[in-house]
C-alpha atoms as a PDB file:
ATOM      1  CA  UNK A   1     -30.016 -63.373 -37.038  1.00  0.00           C
ATOM      2  CA  UNK A   2     -32.254 -66.358 -36.402  1.00  0.00           C
ATOM      3  CA  UNK A   3     -35.756 -65.747 -35.168  1.00  0.00           C
ATOM      4  CA  UNK A   4     -37.092 -68.122 -32.533  1.00  0.00           C
ATOM      5  CA  UNK A   5     -39.197 -70.915 -33.935  1.00  0.00           C
ATOM      6  CA  UNK A   6     -40.676 -73.358 -31.444  1.00  0.00           C
ATOM      7  CA  UNK A   7     -39.666 -76.638 -33.052  1.00  0.00           C
ATOM      8  CA  UNK A   8     -38.020 -78.712 -30.305  1.00  0.00           C
ATOM      9  CA  UNK A   9     -35.472 -81.213 -31.537  1.00  0.00           C
ATOM     10  CA  UNK A  10     -35.348 -83.232 -28.325  1.00  0.00           C
ATOM     11  CA  UNK A  11     -38.808 -84.531 -27.488  1.00  0.00           C
ATOM     12  CA  UNK A  12     -39.653 -85.900 -24.081  1.00  0.00           C
ATOM     13  CA  UNK A  13     -42.826 -87.295 -22.593  1.00  0.00           C
ATOM     14  CA  UNK A  14     -43.034 -84.315 -20.243  1.00  0.00           C
ATOM     15  CA  UNK A  15     -41.395 -80.932 -19.798  1.00  0.00           C
ATOM     16  CA  UNK A  16     -39.185 -82.406 -17.071  1.00  0.00           C
ATOM     17  CA  UNK A  17     -37.991 -85.145 -19.409  1.00  0.00           C
ATOM     18  CA  UNK A  18     -37.460 -82.663 -22.236  1.00  0.00           C
ATOM     19  CA  UNK A  19     -35.491 -80.360 -19.921  1.00  0.00           C
ATOM     20  CA  UNK A  20     -33.386 -83.340 -18.805  1.00  0.00           C
ATOM     21  CA  UNK A  21     -32.623 -84.243 -22.433  1.00  0.00           C
ATOM     22  CA  UNK A  22     -31.532 -80.703 -23.271  1.00  0.00           C
ATOM     23  CA  UNK A  23     -29.499 -80.571 -20.053  1.00  0.00           C
ATOM     24  CA  UNK A  24     -27.776 -83.828 -20.987  1.00  0.00           C
ATOM     25  CA  UNK A  25     -27.035 -82.381 -24.429  1.00  0.00           C
ATOM     26  CA  UNK A  26     -25.329 -79.397 -22.750  1.00  0.00           C
ATOM     27  CA  UNK A  27     -23.310 -81.820 -20.605  1.00  0.00           C
ATOM     28  CA  UNK A  28     -22.194 -83.677 -23.743  1.00  0.00           C
ATOM     29  CA  UNK A  29     -21.295 -80.439 -25.533  1.00  0.00           C
ATOM     30  CA  UNK A  30     -19.008 -79.502 -22.642  1.00  0.00           C
ATOM     31  CA  UNK A  31     -17.424 -82.941 -22.826  1.00  0.00           C
ATOM     32  CA  UNK A  32     -16.662 -82.128 -26.496  1.00  0.00           C
ATOM     33  CA  UNK A  33     -14.861 -78.931 -25.487  1.00  0.00           C
ATOM     34  CA  UNK A  34     -17.510 -76.216 -25.474  1.00  0.00           C
ATOM     35  CA  UNK A  35     -17.451 -73.860 -22.498  1.00  0.00           C
ATOM     36  CA  UNK A  36     -20.258 -73.419 -19.960  1.00  0.00           C
ATOM     37  CA  UNK A  37     -21.794 -70.386 -21.658  1.00  0.00           C
ATOM     38  CA  UNK A  38     -21.396 -71.879 -25.140  1.00  0.00           C
ATOM     39  CA  UNK A  39     -22.857 -75.254 -24.173  1.00  0.00           C
ATOM     40  CA  UNK A  40     -25.870 -73.636 -22.510  1.00  0.00           C
ATOM     41  CA  UNK A  41     -26.644 -71.428 -25.496  1.00  0.00           C
ATOM     42  CA  UNK A  42     -25.949 -74.180 -28.018  1.00  0.00           C
ATOM     43  CA  UNK A  43     -27.972 -76.941 -26.334  1.00  0.00           C
ATOM     44  CA  UNK A  44     -31.013 -74.774 -25.657  1.00  0.00           C
ATOM     45  CA  UNK A  45     -30.705 -72.906 -28.956  1.00  0.00           C
ATOM     46  CA  UNK A  46     -30.502 -76.093 -31.008  1.00  0.00           C
ATOM     47  CA  UNK A  47     -33.522 -77.399 -29.149  1.00  0.00           C
ATOM     48  CA  UNK A  48     -35.560 -74.266 -29.805  1.00  0.00           C
ATOM     49  CA  UNK A  49     -34.382 -73.205 -33.245  1.00  0.00           C
ATOM     50  CA  UNK A  50     -32.651 -76.225 -34.763  1.00  0.00           C
ATOM     51  CA  UNK A  51     -29.409 -74.274 -35.088  1.00  0.00           C
ATOM     52  CA  UNK A  52     -27.607 -71.388 -33.456  1.00  0.00           C
ATOM     53  CA  UNK A  53     -26.173 -68.496 -35.396  1.00  0.00           C
ATOM     54  CA  UNK A  54     -22.362 -68.788 -35.200  1.00  0.00           C
ATOM     55  CA  UNK A  55     -22.219 -65.110 -34.200  1.00  0.00           C
ATOM     56  CA  UNK A  56     -24.331 -65.845 -31.135  1.00  0.00           C
ATOM     57  CA  UNK A  57     -22.011 -68.671 -30.185  1.00  0.00           C
ATOM     58  CA  UNK A  58     -18.995 -66.369 -30.562  1.00  0.00           C
ATOM     59  CA  UNK A  59     -20.813 -63.772 -28.443  1.00  0.00           C
ATOM     60  CA  UNK A  60     -21.259 -66.318 -25.646  1.00  0.00           C
ATOM     61  CA  UNK A  61     -17.578 -67.317 -25.568  1.00  0.00           C
ATOM     62  CA  UNK A  62     -16.491 -64.317 -23.506  1.00  0.00           C
ATOM     63  CA  UNK A  63     -18.882 -65.201 -20.675  1.00  0.00           C
ATOM     64  CA  UNK A  64     -17.181 -68.541 -20.009  1.00  0.00           C
ATOM     65  CA  UNK A  65     -15.487 -69.121 -16.695  1.00  0.00           C
ATOM     66  CA  UNK A  66     -17.050 -66.184 -14.898  1.00  0.00           C
ATOM     67  CA  UNK A  67     -16.356 -63.700 -17.736  1.00  0.00           C
ATOM     68  CA  UNK A  68     -13.143 -64.208 -19.618  1.00  0.00           C
ATOM     69  CA  UNK A  69     -12.065 -67.123 -17.442  1.00  0.00           C
ATOM     70  CA  UNK A  70     -11.556 -64.844 -14.423  1.00  0.00           C
ATOM     71  CA  UNK A  71     -13.985 -66.856 -12.264  1.00  0.00           C
ATOM     72  CA  UNK A  72     -14.764 -63.476 -10.661  1.00  0.00           C
ATOM     73  CA  UNK A  73     -18.183 -62.861 -12.145  1.00  0.00           C
ATOM     74  CA  UNK A  74     -21.424 -64.543 -13.155  1.00  0.00           C
ATOM     75  CA  UNK A  75     -21.344 -68.278 -13.923  1.00  0.00           C
ATOM     76  CA  UNK A  76     -21.218 -68.921 -17.662  1.00  0.00           C
ATOM     77  CA  UNK A  77     -24.202 -71.295 -17.516  1.00  0.00           C
ATOM     78  CA  UNK A  78     -26.283 -68.478 -16.069  1.00  0.00           C
ATOM     79  CA  UNK A  79     -24.934 -66.046 -18.674  1.00  0.00           C
ATOM     80  CA  UNK A  80     -25.739 -68.462 -21.496  1.00  0.00           C
ATOM     81  CA  UNK A  81     -29.301 -68.743 -20.228  1.00  0.00           C
ATOM     82  CA  UNK A  82     -29.616 -64.963 -20.075  1.00  0.00           C
ATOM     83  CA  UNK A  83     -28.558 -64.810 -23.726  1.00  0.00           C
ATOM     84  CA  UNK A  84     -31.253 -67.363 -24.654  1.00  0.00           C
ATOM     85  CA  UNK A  85     -33.959 -65.471 -22.761  1.00  0.00           C
ATOM     86  CA  UNK A  86     -32.834 -62.232 -24.370  1.00  0.00           C
ATOM     87  CA  UNK A  87     -32.989 -63.828 -27.818  1.00  0.00           C
ATOM     88  CA  UNK A  88     -36.548 -64.959 -27.138  1.00  0.00           C
ATOM     89  CA  UNK A  89     -37.928 -61.966 -25.284  1.00  0.00           C
ATOM     90  CA  UNK A  90     -35.460 -59.103 -25.642  1.00  0.00           C
ATOM     91  CA  UNK A  91     -36.159 -55.944 -27.508  1.00  0.00           C
ATOM     92  CA  UNK A  92     -34.691 -54.498 -30.662  1.00  0.00           C
ATOM     93  CA  UNK A  93     -35.744 -50.901 -30.119  1.00  0.00           C
ATOM     94  CA  UNK A  94     -36.060 -48.680 -27.041  1.00  0.00           C
ATOM     95  CA  UNK A  95     -39.837 -48.343 -27.286  1.00  0.00           C
ATOM     96  CA  UNK A  96     -40.528 -52.052 -26.824  1.00  0.00           C
ATOM     97  CA  UNK A  97     -41.447 -53.209 -23.326  1.00  0.00           C
ATOM     98  CA  UNK A  98     -38.741 -55.254 -21.617  1.00  0.00           C
ATOM     99  CA  UNK A  99     -40.725 -56.278 -18.541  1.00  0.00           C
ATOM    100  CA  UNK A 100     -41.236 -59.929 -19.564  1.00  0.00           C
ATOM    101  CA  UNK A 101     -37.592 -60.407 -20.513  1.00  0.00           C
ATOM    102  CA  UNK A 102     -36.369 -58.974 -17.228  1.00  0.00           C
ATOM    103  CA  UNK A 103     -38.869 -61.017 -15.211  1.00  0.00           C
ATOM    104  CA  UNK A 104     -37.795 -64.283 -16.866  1.00  0.00           C
ATOM    105  CA  UNK A 105     -34.120 -63.490 -16.349  1.00  0.00           C
ATOM    106  CA  UNK A 106     -34.816 -62.709 -12.705  1.00  0.00           C
ATOM    107  CA  UNK A 107     -36.729 -65.983 -12.333  1.00  0.00           C
ATOM    108  CA  UNK A 108     -33.817 -67.909 -13.880  1.00  0.00           C
ATOM    109  CA  UNK A 109     -31.286 -66.161 -11.635  1.00  0.00           C
ATOM    110  CA  UNK A 110     -33.456 -66.814  -8.577  1.00  0.00           C
ATOM    111  CA  UNK A 111     -33.831 -70.520  -9.447  1.00  0.00           C
ATOM    112  CA  UNK A 112     -30.066 -70.792 -10.077  1.00  0.00           C
ATOM    113  CA  UNK A 113     -29.266 -69.060  -6.786  1.00  0.00           C
ATOM    114  CA  UNK A 114     -31.701 -71.274  -4.864  1.00  0.00           C
ATOM    115  CA  UNK A 115     -30.180 -74.405  -6.401  1.00  0.00           C
ATOM    116  CA  UNK A 116     -26.488 -73.550  -6.096  1.00  0.00           C
ATOM    117  CA  UNK A 117     -26.313 -70.915  -3.333  1.00  0.00           C
ATOM    118  CA  UNK A 118     -24.399 -68.400  -5.459  1.00  0.00           C
ATOM    119  CA  UNK A 119     -24.227 -67.083  -9.014  1.00  0.00           C
ATOM    120  CA  UNK A 120     -20.471 -66.401  -8.947  1.00  0.00           C
ATOM    121  CA  UNK A 121     -18.251 -68.757 -10.916  1.00  0.00           C
ATOM    122  CA  UNK A 122     -15.397 -68.612  -8.408  1.00  0.00           C
ATOM    123  CA  UNK A 123     -17.636 -69.365  -5.433  1.00  0.00           C
ATOM    124  CA  UNK A 124     -19.256 -72.267  -7.299  1.00  0.00           C
ATOM    125  CA  UNK A 125     -15.792 -73.675  -7.864  1.00  0.00           C
ATOM    126  CA  UNK A 126     -14.367 -72.935  -4.407  1.00  0.00           C
ATOM    127  CA  UNK A 127     -17.391 -73.620  -2.222  1.00  0.00           C
ATOM    128  CA  UNK A 128     -19.446 -75.884  -4.479  1.00  0.00           C
ATOM    129  CA  UNK A 129     -16.525 -77.975  -5.632  1.00  0.00           C
ATOM    130  CA  UNK A 130     -17.368 -77.535  -9.305  1.00  0.00           C
ATOM    131  CA  UNK A 131     -14.535 -77.652 -11.794  1.00  0.00           C
ATOM    132  CA  UNK A 132     -12.825 -80.608 -10.127  1.00  0.00           C
ATOM    133  CA  UNK A 133     -12.406 -84.036 -11.730  1.00  0.00           C
ATOM    134  CA  UNK A 134     -14.966 -85.418  -9.270  1.00  0.00           C
ATOM    135  CA  UNK A 135     -17.494 -82.655  -9.967  1.00  0.00           C
ATOM    136  CA  UNK A 136     -16.845 -81.143 -13.408  1.00  0.00           C
ATOM    137  CA  UNK A 137     -18.597 -77.923 -14.373  1.00  0.00           C
ATOM    138  CA  UNK A 138     -20.583 -79.812 -16.978  1.00  0.00           C
ATOM    139  CA  UNK A 139     -22.624 -81.294 -14.102  1.00  0.00           C
ATOM    140  CA  UNK A 140     -23.604 -77.774 -13.024  1.00  0.00           C
ATOM    141  CA  UNK A 141     -24.345 -76.761 -16.628  1.00  0.00           C
ATOM    142  CA  UNK A 142     -26.602 -79.771 -17.089  1.00  0.00           C
ATOM    143  CA  UNK A 143     -28.607 -78.839 -13.990  1.00  0.00           C
ATOM    144  CA  UNK A 144     -28.673 -75.128 -14.884  1.00  0.00           C
ATOM    145  CA  UNK A 145     -30.193 -75.960 -18.269  1.00  0.00           C
ATOM    146  CA  UNK A 146     -32.878 -78.090 -16.622  1.00  0.00           C
ATOM    147  CA  UNK A 147     -33.731 -75.066 -14.443  1.00  0.00           C
ATOM    148  CA  UNK A 148     -33.905 -72.798 -17.499  1.00  0.00           C
ATOM    149  CA  UNK A 149     -36.058 -74.924 -19.777  1.00  0.00           C
ATOM    150  CA  UNK A 150     -39.417 -74.690 -17.921  1.00  0.00           C
ATOM    151  CA  UNK A 151     -39.107 -70.895 -17.782  1.00  0.00           C
ATOM    152  CA  UNK A 152     -38.978 -70.745 -21.566  1.00  0.00           C
ATOM    153  CA  UNK A 153     -42.501 -72.154 -21.763  1.00  0.00           C
ATOM    154  CA  UNK A 154     -43.982 -69.488 -19.496  1.00  0.00           C
END
């Protein structure tokens, strides 16, 4: 397991620019064939740690497309961000406080919901138009990553 090391690979003049660069990287990863959850974890993880453990990437695969491609559950970009926050602030034993981790995940979910109006993959596709040739999911993933990045500095 990799331990978080704050050594950003994509440097911007400001946090907004850095977040935009990491978001664009996620967009490009999806264009290469990675799923929403994989691209989110991989882009942010590479930025933070330089590399992502292949096991983590495999773990994220099942969250793609609203969990297993069903489109019925949580958006994969949101799930990928939850995995990143958990890697940074989660606990490895039951006696460790989980308050910070839960608060950051809630803040990410709230920001995602405010931006997109829903957290459900199917609703994002049906009502938001994502997943179409005109509005591919990678556009949503790019924006979701830019919402996530500032929270990681809190």
